[in-house]
Amino acid sequence: MMTRPHVTIVGASAARRRQAITPNALLGRVSALVIMATFGTRPIGAAIGAAVGGRFGAEARLLVALAGFALQFVVILGSTVARLSKLPELAV
């Protein structure tokens, strides 16, 4: 059974883009960082969601999740990565 096919498509697209723009010497490190940031933070988010939901209810839990997504959006927009038009030269 196929669920949420958009997640697979977006993930494959992001991986392809990351592999295309990352120098080969750094590809393993970048991939490890993405995996750690993606899967390593999930238990933290689950614990925060459980604590907020248990104490304040489902509505508060959803508001905290929304605030987290908004914070991610602001961080991405404020980073220099969002404004890159070409890759900087790799310092060796």
Foldseek 3Di string as FASTA:
>chain_A
DDDDVVVVVVVVVVLVVLVVQDPPVCSVVVVVVVCCVVPVCVVVLVVVLVVCCVVPNDVRSVVVVVVVVVVVVVVCVPDCVVVDPHDDDDDD
